């Protein structure tokens, strides 16, 4: 949905500008040094956001034999591809804090986005709710 895609763009895969999520300015140069523009390349990431942006950048640089799983590894069904190790491909792109927190990350993210929407769309009602809970804004 549009809301899900916007939330992911702003709060997940394409949240560029922070110290831990910066564009690799040498990405296409690095790929070009290892592969010719005629090479067949599969570009993937967990959500499909970064890989789609990467595939677009490669296409602008003349790469034409590109494939990209635009919905990300997370949509692959177990057993779709042969794997090495215990992790299924749908979990291969997960790393960092989300692997430690697990489902709580989803719950916390949902709560925070809901609160942001409440404050943005219904500021007067949000203020009343916070005041009734003893929270001063």
C-alpha atoms as a PDB file:
ATOM      1  CA  UNK A   1       0.000   0.000   0.000  1.00  0.00           C
ATOM      2  CA  UNK A   2       1.014   3.628  -0.306  1.00  0.00           C
ATOM      3  CA  UNK A   3       1.149   4.027   3.487  1.00  0.00           C
ATOM      4  CA  UNK A   4       3.356   0.952   3.930  1.00  0.00           C
ATOM      5  CA  UNK A   5       5.717   2.047   1.151  1.00  0.00           C
ATOM      6  CA  UNK A   6       5.944   5.593   2.572  1.00  0.00           C
ATOM      7  CA  UNK A   7       6.608   4.251   6.075  1.00  0.00           C
ATOM      8  CA  UNK A   8       9.360   1.984   4.757  1.00  0.00           C
ATOM      9  CA  UNK A   9      10.882   4.757   2.647  1.00  0.00           C
ATOM     10  CA  UNK A  10      11.004   7.129   5.612  1.00  0.00           C
ATOM     11  CA  UNK A  11      11.688   4.750   8.476  1.00  0.00           C
ATOM     12  CA  UNK A  12      13.532   1.778   6.967  1.00  0.00           C
ATOM     13  CA  UNK A  13      15.471   0.976   3.812  1.00  0.00           C
ATOM     14  CA  UNK A  14      15.757   4.382   2.161  1.00  0.00           C
ATOM     15  CA  UNK A  15      16.303   6.478   5.282  1.00  0.00           C
ATOM     16  CA  UNK A  16      19.448   8.111   3.918  1.00  0.00           C
ATOM     17  CA  UNK A  17      21.380  10.853   5.627  1.00  0.00           C
ATOM     18  CA  UNK A  18      22.084   9.230   8.978  1.00  0.00           C
ATOM     19  CA  UNK A  19      25.565   8.041   9.833  1.00  0.00           C
ATOM     20  CA  UNK A  20      24.573   4.404   9.346  1.00  0.00           C
ATOM     21  CA  UNK A  21      22.620   4.829   6.079  1.00  0.00           C
ATOM     22  CA  UNK A  22      24.624   6.690   3.482  1.00  0.00           C
ATOM     23  CA  UNK A  23      24.620   6.249  -0.253  1.00  0.00           C
ATOM     24  CA  UNK A  24      27.738   4.604  -1.612  1.00  0.00           C
ATOM     25  CA  UNK A  25      28.933   7.262  -4.061  1.00  0.00           C
ATOM     26  CA  UNK A  26      31.277   4.700  -5.659  1.00  0.00           C
ATOM     27  CA  UNK A  27      28.601   2.013  -6.119  1.00  0.00           C
ATOM     28  CA  UNK A  28      28.302   2.072  -9.917  1.00  0.00           C
ATOM     29  CA  UNK A  29      32.045   2.619 -10.326  1.00  0.00           C
ATOM     30  CA  UNK A  30      32.745  -0.422  -8.124  1.00  0.00           C
ATOM     31  CA  UNK A  31      30.238  -2.598  -9.984  1.00  0.00           C
ATOM     32  CA  UNK A  32      31.656  -1.462 -13.339  1.00  0.00           C
ATOM     33  CA  UNK A  33      35.171  -2.417 -12.169  1.00  0.00           C
ATOM     34  CA  UNK A  34      34.028  -5.990 -11.500  1.00  0.00           C
ATOM     35  CA  UNK A  35      31.383  -6.544 -14.198  1.00  0.00           C
ATOM     36  CA  UNK A  36      30.878  -5.425 -17.777  1.00  0.00           C
ATOM     37  CA  UNK A  37      27.615  -3.662 -18.698  1.00  0.00           C
ATOM     38  CA  UNK A  38      26.672  -6.837 -20.626  1.00  0.00           C
ATOM     39  CA  UNK A  39      26.869  -9.006 -17.469  1.00  0.00           C
ATOM     40  CA  UNK A  40      23.712 -10.545 -16.044  1.00  0.00           C
ATOM     41  CA  UNK A  41      23.215  -9.139 -12.539  1.00  0.00           C
ATOM     42  CA  UNK A  42      20.637  -9.898  -9.849  1.00  0.00           C
ATOM     43  CA  UNK A  43      20.249  -7.032  -7.362  1.00  0.00           C
ATOM     44  CA  UNK A  44      18.501  -7.810  -4.053  1.00  0.00           C
ATOM     45  CA  UNK A  45      17.992  -6.462  -0.548  1.00  0.00           C
ATOM     46  CA  UNK A  46      15.622  -7.270   2.314  1.00  0.00           C
ATOM     47  CA  UNK A  47      12.768  -4.865   1.481  1.00  0.00           C
ATOM     48  CA  UNK A  48      13.410  -4.218  -2.199  1.00  0.00           C
ATOM     49  CA  UNK A  49      13.913  -0.484  -1.718  1.00  0.00           C
ATOM     50  CA  UNK A  50      17.703  -0.232  -1.825  1.00  0.00           C
ATOM     51  CA  UNK A  51      18.016  -2.858  -4.557  1.00  0.00           C
ATOM     52  CA  UNK A  52      15.497  -1.055  -6.765  1.00  0.00           C
ATOM     53  CA  UNK A  53      17.425   2.203  -6.342  1.00  0.00           C
ATOM     54  CA  UNK A  54      20.679   0.338  -7.062  1.00  0.00           C
ATOM     55  CA  UNK A  55      19.243  -1.295 -10.192  1.00  0.00           C
ATOM     56  CA  UNK A  56      18.027   2.111 -11.416  1.00  0.00           C
ATOM     57  CA  UNK A  57      21.515   3.570 -10.889  1.00  0.00           C
ATOM     58  CA  UNK A  58      23.116   0.671 -12.777  1.00  0.00           C
ATOM     59  CA  UNK A  59      20.635   1.017 -15.625  1.00  0.00           C
ATOM     60  CA  UNK A  60      21.483   4.719 -15.954  1.00  0.00           C
ATOM     61  CA  UNK A  61      25.144   3.657 -16.258  1.00  0.00           C
ATOM     62  CA  UNK A  62      24.394   1.375 -19.202  1.00  0.00           C
ATOM     63  CA  UNK A  63      23.803  -1.999 -17.518  1.00  0.00           C
ATOM     64  CA  UNK A  64      20.943  -3.712 -19.340  1.00  0.00           C
ATOM     65  CA  UNK A  65      20.851  -7.328 -18.147  1.00  0.00           C
ATOM     66  CA  UNK A  66      19.519  -6.545 -14.678  1.00  0.00           C
ATOM     67  CA  UNK A  67      17.042  -8.415 -12.524  1.00  0.00           C
ATOM     68  CA  UNK A  68      15.709  -7.086  -9.245  1.00  0.00           C
ATOM     69  CA  UNK A  69      13.324  -8.574  -6.684  1.00  0.00           C
ATOM     70  CA  UNK A  70      11.443  -5.316  -6.128  1.00  0.00           C
ATOM     71  CA  UNK A  71       9.534  -6.631  -3.118  1.00  0.00           C
ATOM     72  CA  UNK A  72      12.744  -7.850  -1.492  1.00  0.00           C
ATOM     73  CA  UNK A  73      14.045 -11.088  -0.058  1.00  0.00           C
ATOM     74  CA  UNK A  74      11.331 -10.976   2.601  1.00  0.00           C
ATOM     75  CA  UNK A  75       8.733 -12.090   0.026  1.00  0.00           C
ATOM     76  CA  UNK A  76      10.552 -15.260  -1.038  1.00  0.00           C
ATOM     77  CA  UNK A  77       8.896 -18.474   0.072  1.00  0.00           C
ATOM     78  CA  UNK A  78      11.144 -20.976   1.887  1.00  0.00           C
ATOM     79  CA  UNK A  79      12.671 -23.439  -0.551  1.00  0.00           C
ATOM     80  CA  UNK A  80      12.369 -21.175  -3.612  1.00  0.00           C
ATOM     81  CA  UNK A  81      16.141 -21.226  -4.043  1.00  0.00           C
ATOM     82  CA  UNK A  82      18.804 -23.580  -2.747  1.00  0.00           C
ATOM     83  CA  UNK A  83      20.555 -22.071   0.280  1.00  0.00           C
ATOM     84  CA  UNK A  84      23.644 -22.707   2.362  1.00  0.00           C
ATOM     85  CA  UNK A  85      23.250 -22.587   6.136  1.00  0.00           C
ATOM     86  CA  UNK A  86      20.221 -22.451   8.424  1.00  0.00           C
ATOM     87  CA  UNK A  87      18.758 -19.076   7.466  1.00  0.00           C
ATOM     88  CA  UNK A  88      16.184 -18.927   4.702  1.00  0.00           C
ATOM     89  CA  UNK A  89      16.681 -16.252   2.046  1.00  0.00           C
ATOM     90  CA  UNK A  90      13.699 -14.256   3.322  1.00  0.00           C
ATOM     91  CA  UNK A  91      15.741 -13.523   6.470  1.00  0.00           C
ATOM     92  CA  UNK A  92      19.142 -13.139   4.794  1.00  0.00           C
ATOM     93  CA  UNK A  93      19.040  -9.344   4.688  1.00  0.00           C
ATOM     94  CA  UNK A  94      18.075  -8.879   8.316  1.00  0.00           C
ATOM     95  CA  UNK A  95      20.866  -7.632  10.519  1.00  0.00           C
ATOM     96  CA  UNK A  96      21.610  -5.343  13.392  1.00  0.00           C
ATOM     97  CA  UNK A  97      19.186  -4.336  16.092  1.00  0.00           C
ATOM     98  CA  UNK A  98      16.117  -5.829  14.408  1.00  0.00           C
ATOM     99  CA  UNK A  99      17.589  -9.341  14.763  1.00  0.00           C
ATOM    100  CA  UNK A 100      17.992  -8.815  18.497  1.00  0.00           C
ATOM    101  CA  UNK A 101      14.665  -7.096  19.108  1.00  0.00           C
ATOM    102  CA  UNK A 102      12.636  -9.298  16.780  1.00  0.00           C
ATOM    103  CA  UNK A 103       8.891  -8.645  16.758  1.00  0.00           C
ATOM    104  CA  UNK A 104       9.155  -5.838  19.325  1.00  0.00           C
ATOM    105  CA  UNK A 105      10.695  -3.663  16.585  1.00  0.00           C
ATOM    106  CA  UNK A 106       7.546  -4.028  14.496  1.00  0.00           C
ATOM    107  CA  UNK A 107       5.281  -3.286  17.458  1.00  0.00           C
ATOM    108  CA  UNK A 108       7.332  -0.302  18.605  1.00  0.00           C
ATOM    109  CA  UNK A 109       7.556   1.088  15.075  1.00  0.00           C
ATOM    110  CA  UNK A 110       3.799   0.745  14.624  1.00  0.00           C
ATOM    111  CA  UNK A 111       3.135   2.523  17.921  1.00  0.00           C
ATOM    112  CA  UNK A 112       5.516   5.377  17.066  1.00  0.00           C
ATOM    113  CA  UNK A 113       4.073   5.869  13.574  1.00  0.00           C
ATOM    114  CA  UNK A 114       0.538   5.780  15.006  1.00  0.00           C
ATOM    115  CA  UNK A 115       1.451   8.419  17.593  1.00  0.00           C
ATOM    116  CA  UNK A 116       3.037  10.587  14.907  1.00  0.00           C
ATOM    117  CA  UNK A 117      -0.127  10.353  12.809  1.00  0.00           C
ATOM    118  CA  UNK A 118      -2.301  11.128  15.852  1.00  0.00           C
ATOM    119  CA  UNK A 119      -0.265  14.215  16.726  1.00  0.00           C
ATOM    120  CA  UNK A 120      -0.132  15.364  13.094  1.00  0.00           C
ATOM    121  CA  UNK A 121      -3.743  14.738  12.066  1.00  0.00           C
ATOM    122  CA  UNK A 122      -5.531  15.334  15.381  1.00  0.00           C
ATOM    123  CA  UNK A 123      -3.314  17.714  17.396  1.00  0.00           C
ATOM    124  CA  UNK A 124      -6.070  18.956  19.748  1.00  0.00           C
ATOM    125  CA  UNK A 125      -7.287  15.452  20.593  1.00  0.00           C
ATOM    126  CA  UNK A 126      -3.701  14.239  21.001  1.00  0.00           C
ATOM    127  CA  UNK A 127      -2.995  17.029  23.474  1.00  0.00           C
ATOM    128  CA  UNK A 128      -6.101  16.079  25.488  1.00  0.00           C
ATOM    129  CA  UNK A 129      -5.078  12.417  25.543  1.00  0.00           C
ATOM    130  CA  UNK A 130      -1.551  13.250  26.688  1.00  0.00           C
ATOM    131  CA  UNK A 131      -2.796  15.660  29.358  1.00  0.00           C
ATOM    132  CA  UNK A 132      -5.234  13.039  30.703  1.00  0.00           C
ATOM    133  CA  UNK A 133      -2.255  10.673  31.011  1.00  0.00           C
ATOM    134  CA  UNK A 134      -0.272  13.329  32.879  1.00  0.00           C
ATOM    135  CA  UNK A 135       2.103  13.993  29.978  1.00  0.00           C
ATOM    136  CA  UNK A 136       2.905  17.661  29.373  1.00  0.00           C
ATOM    137  CA  UNK A 137       3.883  18.604  25.829  1.00  0.00           C
END
